[in-house]
Amino acid sequence: MFRSICLTIVQLAAPSIRLILMVAIVASSLFIIAITFGINYALTFLAHTGINWFDKILIWFGSMGAFLCALILFPSFAQMISGLFTDRISNAVISTYYPNLTAERHIPINEMIGYGIRFSFLSMFLNIVALPFYFLLPGFNLIIFYILNSYLLGREYAEMIGLRTLDKISMRLFWEANRTQIFLGGAIITTIAFIPALNLTTPVAATTFAIHEHERLRRLAFSR
C-alpha cells in the first residue's frame, strides 16, 4: 500500500494528467465554496434572536459548521468528478506503470458518470443521515465518519476500477477476498478527502491510488 501511495504522489506531477488535476482542483474548490456559503447564507436568516452579540456567535459557529459540512459531503462529490476522468487517468497510469496489462473492458462514459452519480447521492444521503451523530457525539464522530466513508469510498473506487478488467461475479469475489485491504485503501482516500487543500486533489489522487491498489492486490492473488 505504501508503494501505491508513493506512485500516486509521483503521478500527480506527471504532465499526462496535469490538466485533469487542474480541472479537479477548480471543481473541488467551487463545490466547497458553494456549500459553505450556501449553508452560511441560509443560517444568516435564522440568526435573528434580537440579541446582537448572540446573533454574531450563532453566525460564527454557523460558518464553522457550514465549512465542516462541506468537508463531510466533499468525498461524495469527489466520486462524481472521478467518474468523468476515469478513462484518461487509467490510460495515463497504465501506460506508465503497467504497459503489459491485459486490455480493459470499455465502459461507456455515460455509464461511468451514471455510476458515479448514483454512488455520490447514496454516499451524500448516508452522510447527511449521520450528521447529527457527527455533531452530537464528540470523540465518536470521527470514528463514525471514518468507518462509514472508508467502507463507501474503498468499495466504490475498487469497483469503479475493478469493473474495467473484471466481470461483476469476478469483482464480487475480488471484493470478498480483499475486503480488509480495500477498506484500508478507503481510509487513505477518506484522509485525503478530509484534509483542507490536499482534498482538492481527491478526484485524481483517489482514482490513481485505486488503480495501483487494484493491480497490487490482483498480482498478489496470482502469486499465491
Protein backbone atom coordinates (compact mmCIF):
# COMPACT_ATOMS: atom_id res chain seq x y z
CA MET A 1 0.00 0.00 0.00
CA PHE A 2 2.89 2.35 0.76
CA ARG A 3 4.18 1.83 -2.78
CA SER A 4 0.74 2.73 -4.16
CA ILE A 5 0.80 5.97 -2.16
CA CYS A 6 4.28 6.86 -3.45
CA LEU A 7 3.34 6.11 -7.07
CA THR A 8 0.20 8.23 -6.69
CA ILE A 9 2.25 11.21 -5.47
CA VAL A 10 4.62 10.85 -8.43
CA GLN A 11 1.71 10.52 -10.87
CA LEU A 12 0.11 13.76 -9.68
CA ALA A 13 3.11 15.64 -11.05
CA ALA A 14 3.02 13.89 -14.44
CA PRO A 15 2.21 16.06 -17.49
CA SER A 16 -0.27 13.41 -18.72
CA ILE A 17 -2.79 14.26 -16.01
CA ARG A 18 -1.83 17.84 -15.20
CA LEU A 19 -4.85 19.32 -16.99
CA ILE A 20 -7.22 16.83 -15.33
CA LEU A 21 -5.73 17.69 -11.94
CA MET A 22 -6.27 21.41 -12.55
CA VAL A 23 -9.90 20.84 -13.56
CA ALA A 24 -10.44 18.66 -10.48
CA ILE A 25 -8.93 21.30 -8.19
CA VAL A 26 -11.15 24.04 -9.65
CA ALA A 27 -14.30 21.88 -9.45
CA SER A 28 -13.49 20.80 -5.90
CA SER A 29 -12.85 24.39 -4.81
CA LEU A 30 -16.14 25.57 -6.29
CA PHE A 31 -18.05 22.79 -4.53
CA ILE A 32 -16.60 23.58 -1.10
CA ILE A 33 -17.13 27.33 -1.57
CA ALA A 34 -20.71 26.85 -2.81
CA ILE A 35 -21.70 24.54 0.06
CA THR A 36 -20.02 26.70 2.70
CA PHE A 37 -21.53 29.98 1.50
CA GLY A 38 -24.89 28.39 0.74
CA ILE A 39 -25.34 26.98 4.24
CA ASN A 40 -23.87 30.11 5.82
CA TYR A 41 -26.24 32.34 3.82
CA ALA A 42 -29.23 30.28 4.93
CA LEU A 43 -28.12 30.50 8.56
CA THR A 44 -28.00 34.32 8.46
CA PHE A 45 -31.80 34.31 8.12
CA LEU A 46 -32.14 32.09 11.18
CA ALA A 47 -29.76 34.03 13.43
CA HIS A 48 -32.19 36.78 14.41
CA THR A 49 -32.78 36.49 18.13
CA GLY A 50 -32.73 40.24 18.66
CA ILE A 51 -29.60 39.94 20.80
CA ASN A 52 -26.76 41.34 18.70
CA TRP A 53 -23.82 39.62 20.38
CA PHE A 54 -25.66 36.27 20.47
CA ASP A 55 -26.54 36.55 16.78
CA LYS A 56 -22.86 37.10 15.97
CA ILE A 57 -21.91 33.97 17.93
CA LEU A 58 -24.57 31.96 16.10
CA ILE A 59 -23.32 33.20 12.72
CA TRP A 60 -19.69 32.43 13.64
CA PHE A 61 -20.48 28.88 14.77
CA GLY A 62 -22.77 28.51 11.78
CA SER A 63 -19.93 29.44 9.44
CA MET A 64 -17.65 26.85 11.03
CA GLY A 65 -20.41 24.27 10.84
CA ALA A 66 -21.05 25.10 7.18
CA PHE A 67 -17.38 24.55 6.35
CA LEU A 68 -17.36 21.24 8.23
CA CYS A 69 -20.50 20.16 6.36
CA ALA A 70 -18.74 20.94 3.08
CA LEU A 71 -15.75 18.79 4.12
CA ILE A 72 -18.04 15.95 5.23
CA LEU A 73 -20.01 15.95 1.97
CA PHE A 74 -16.98 16.50 -0.24
CA PRO A 75 -15.94 12.81 -0.64
CA SER A 76 -19.33 12.12 -2.23
CA PHE A 77 -18.82 14.93 -4.73
CA ALA A 78 -15.25 13.80 -5.48
CA GLN A 79 -16.50 10.43 -6.69
CA MET A 80 -18.79 12.13 -9.20
CA ILE A 81 -15.84 14.10 -10.62
CA SER A 82 -13.72 10.94 -10.70
CA GLY A 83 -16.26 9.28 -12.97
CA LEU A 84 -15.70 11.98 -15.59
CA PHE A 85 -11.97 11.32 -15.88
CA THR A 86 -11.56 7.63 -15.05
CA ASP A 87 -10.66 6.67 -18.63
CA ARG A 88 -7.98 9.33 -19.05
CA ILE A 89 -6.45 8.77 -15.62
CA SER A 90 -6.48 5.00 -16.09
CA ASN A 91 -4.82 5.24 -19.51
CA ALA A 92 -2.12 7.54 -18.13
CA VAL A 93 -1.33 5.29 -15.17
CA ILE A 94 -1.44 2.01 -17.08
CA SER A 95 0.70 3.25 -19.99
CA THR A 96 3.34 4.41 -17.49
CA TYR A 97 3.41 1.58 -14.94
CA TYR A 98 1.54 -1.40 -16.41
CA PRO A 99 2.11 -1.37 -20.20
CA ASN A 100 1.69 -5.17 -20.44
CA LEU A 101 -1.68 -5.17 -18.71
CA THR A 102 -4.46 -7.05 -20.48
CA ALA A 103 -6.76 -4.75 -22.43
CA GLU A 104 -9.51 -3.26 -20.29
CA ARG A 105 -13.21 -3.56 -20.98
CA HIS A 106 -14.61 -0.39 -22.46
CA ILE A 107 -17.18 1.22 -20.19
CA PRO A 108 -19.26 3.96 -21.89
CA ILE A 109 -18.69 7.40 -20.38
CA ASN A 110 -22.42 7.84 -19.66
CA GLU A 111 -22.44 4.55 -17.72
CA MET A 112 -19.38 5.59 -15.72
CA ILE A 113 -20.85 9.02 -14.94
CA GLY A 114 -24.20 7.48 -14.00
CA TYR A 115 -22.42 5.01 -11.73
CA GLY A 116 -20.56 7.87 -10.05
CA ILE A 117 -23.72 9.95 -9.62
CA ARG A 118 -25.65 7.06 -8.05
CA PHE A 119 -22.87 6.43 -5.58
CA SER A 120 -22.45 10.13 -4.85
CA PHE A 121 -26.11 10.52 -3.92
CA LEU A 122 -26.04 7.35 -1.80
CA SER A 123 -22.90 8.49 0.00
CA MET A 124 -24.24 12.02 0.45
CA PHE A 125 -27.55 10.70 1.79
CA LEU A 126 -25.84 8.43 4.34
CA ASN A 127 -23.53 11.23 5.48
CA ILE A 128 -26.48 13.62 5.86
CA VAL A 129 -28.28 10.99 7.95
CA ALA A 130 -25.13 10.68 10.07
CA LEU A 131 -24.70 14.46 10.52
CA PRO A 132 -26.44 14.55 13.93
CA PHE A 133 -24.00 11.91 15.19
CA TYR A 134 -21.05 13.86 13.78
CA PHE A 135 -22.02 16.99 15.72
CA LEU A 136 -23.53 15.48 18.87
CA LEU A 137 -21.06 12.69 19.69
CA PRO A 138 -17.63 14.27 20.30
CA GLY A 139 -14.92 11.65 20.28
CA PHE A 140 -17.05 9.15 18.38
CA ASN A 141 -17.91 11.42 15.44
CA LEU A 142 -14.54 10.99 13.73
CA ILE A 143 -14.71 7.21 14.21
CA ILE A 144 -18.20 7.07 12.69
CA PHE A 145 -17.13 9.30 9.80
CA TYR A 146 -14.05 7.20 9.04
CA ILE A 147 -15.78 3.83 9.26
CA LEU A 148 -18.68 4.92 7.05
CA ASN A 149 -16.62 6.68 4.39
CA SER A 150 -13.74 4.20 4.39
CA TYR A 151 -16.23 1.47 3.53
CA LEU A 152 -18.10 3.54 0.95
CA LEU A 153 -15.06 5.03 -0.80
CA GLY A 154 -12.99 1.86 -0.60
CA ARG A 155 -15.66 -0.30 -2.16
CA GLU A 156 -16.78 2.26 -4.73
CA TYR A 157 -13.33 3.06 -6.07
CA ALA A 158 -12.42 -0.64 -6.03
CA GLU A 159 -15.49 -1.43 -8.14
CA MET A 160 -15.04 1.56 -10.43
CA ILE A 161 -11.53 0.39 -11.31
CA GLY A 162 -12.11 -3.35 -10.99
CA LEU A 163 -15.06 -3.49 -13.38
CA ARG A 164 -12.77 -2.25 -16.14
CA THR A 165 -10.96 -5.61 -16.13
CA LEU A 166 -13.35 -7.95 -14.28
CA ASP A 167 -16.94 -9.02 -14.78
CA LYS A 168 -19.41 -8.50 -11.92
CA ILE A 169 -19.04 -12.01 -10.50
CA SER A 170 -15.23 -11.81 -10.54
CA MET A 171 -15.41 -8.35 -8.99
CA ARG A 172 -17.56 -9.65 -6.14
CA LEU A 173 -15.05 -12.46 -5.49
CA PHE A 174 -12.21 -9.93 -5.64
CA TRP A 175 -14.01 -7.77 -3.05
CA GLU A 176 -14.65 -10.72 -0.71
CA ALA A 177 -11.01 -11.82 -0.89
CA ASN A 178 -9.58 -8.34 -0.30
CA ARG A 179 -12.21 -6.50 1.75
CA THR A 180 -9.80 -5.59 4.57
CA GLN A 181 -7.22 -4.13 2.18
CA ILE A 182 -9.96 -2.32 0.25
CA PHE A 183 -11.33 -0.86 3.50
CA LEU A 184 -7.85 0.36 4.47
CA GLY A 185 -7.48 1.86 1.00
CA GLY A 186 -10.79 3.62 1.57
CA ALA A 187 -9.40 5.03 4.82
CA ILE A 188 -6.46 6.50 2.88
CA ILE A 189 -8.85 8.11 0.39
CA THR A 190 -11.04 9.42 3.23
CA THR A 191 -8.00 11.02 4.84
CA ILE A 192 -7.05 12.74 1.58
CA ALA A 193 -10.64 13.93 1.09
CA PHE A 194 -10.91 15.44 4.58
CA ILE A 195 -7.65 17.43 4.77
CA PRO A 196 -8.16 21.03 3.55
CA ALA A 197 -6.12 21.92 0.42
CA LEU A 198 -4.98 18.31 -0.08
CA ASN A 199 -8.59 17.28 -0.59
CA LEU A 200 -8.78 19.34 -3.78
CA THR A 201 -6.71 16.62 -5.49
CA THR A 202 -9.05 13.83 -4.35
CA PRO A 203 -10.81 13.06 -7.68
CA VAL A 204 -7.45 12.39 -9.36
CA ALA A 205 -5.45 11.11 -6.38
CA ALA A 206 -8.14 8.64 -5.29
CA THR A 207 -8.56 7.19 -8.79
CA THR A 208 -4.80 6.87 -9.30
CA PHE A 209 -4.34 5.25 -5.89
CA ALA A 210 -7.22 2.83 -6.56
CA ILE A 211 -5.63 1.72 -9.84
CA HIS A 212 -2.29 0.97 -8.16
CA GLU A 213 -4.02 -0.84 -5.30
CA HIS A 214 -6.12 -2.93 -7.69
CA GLU A 215 -3.02 -4.03 -9.56
CA ARG A 216 -1.15 -4.75 -6.33
CA LEU A 217 -3.94 -6.93 -4.97
CA ARG A 218 -4.51 -8.64 -8.32
CA ARG A 219 -0.85 -9.57 -8.68
CA LEU A 220 -0.69 -10.66 -5.05
CA ALA A 221 -3.59 -13.05 -5.69
CA PHE A 222 -1.82 -14.55 -8.71
CA SER A 223 1.39 -15.07 -6.74
CA ARG A 224 -0.31 -17.15 -4.02
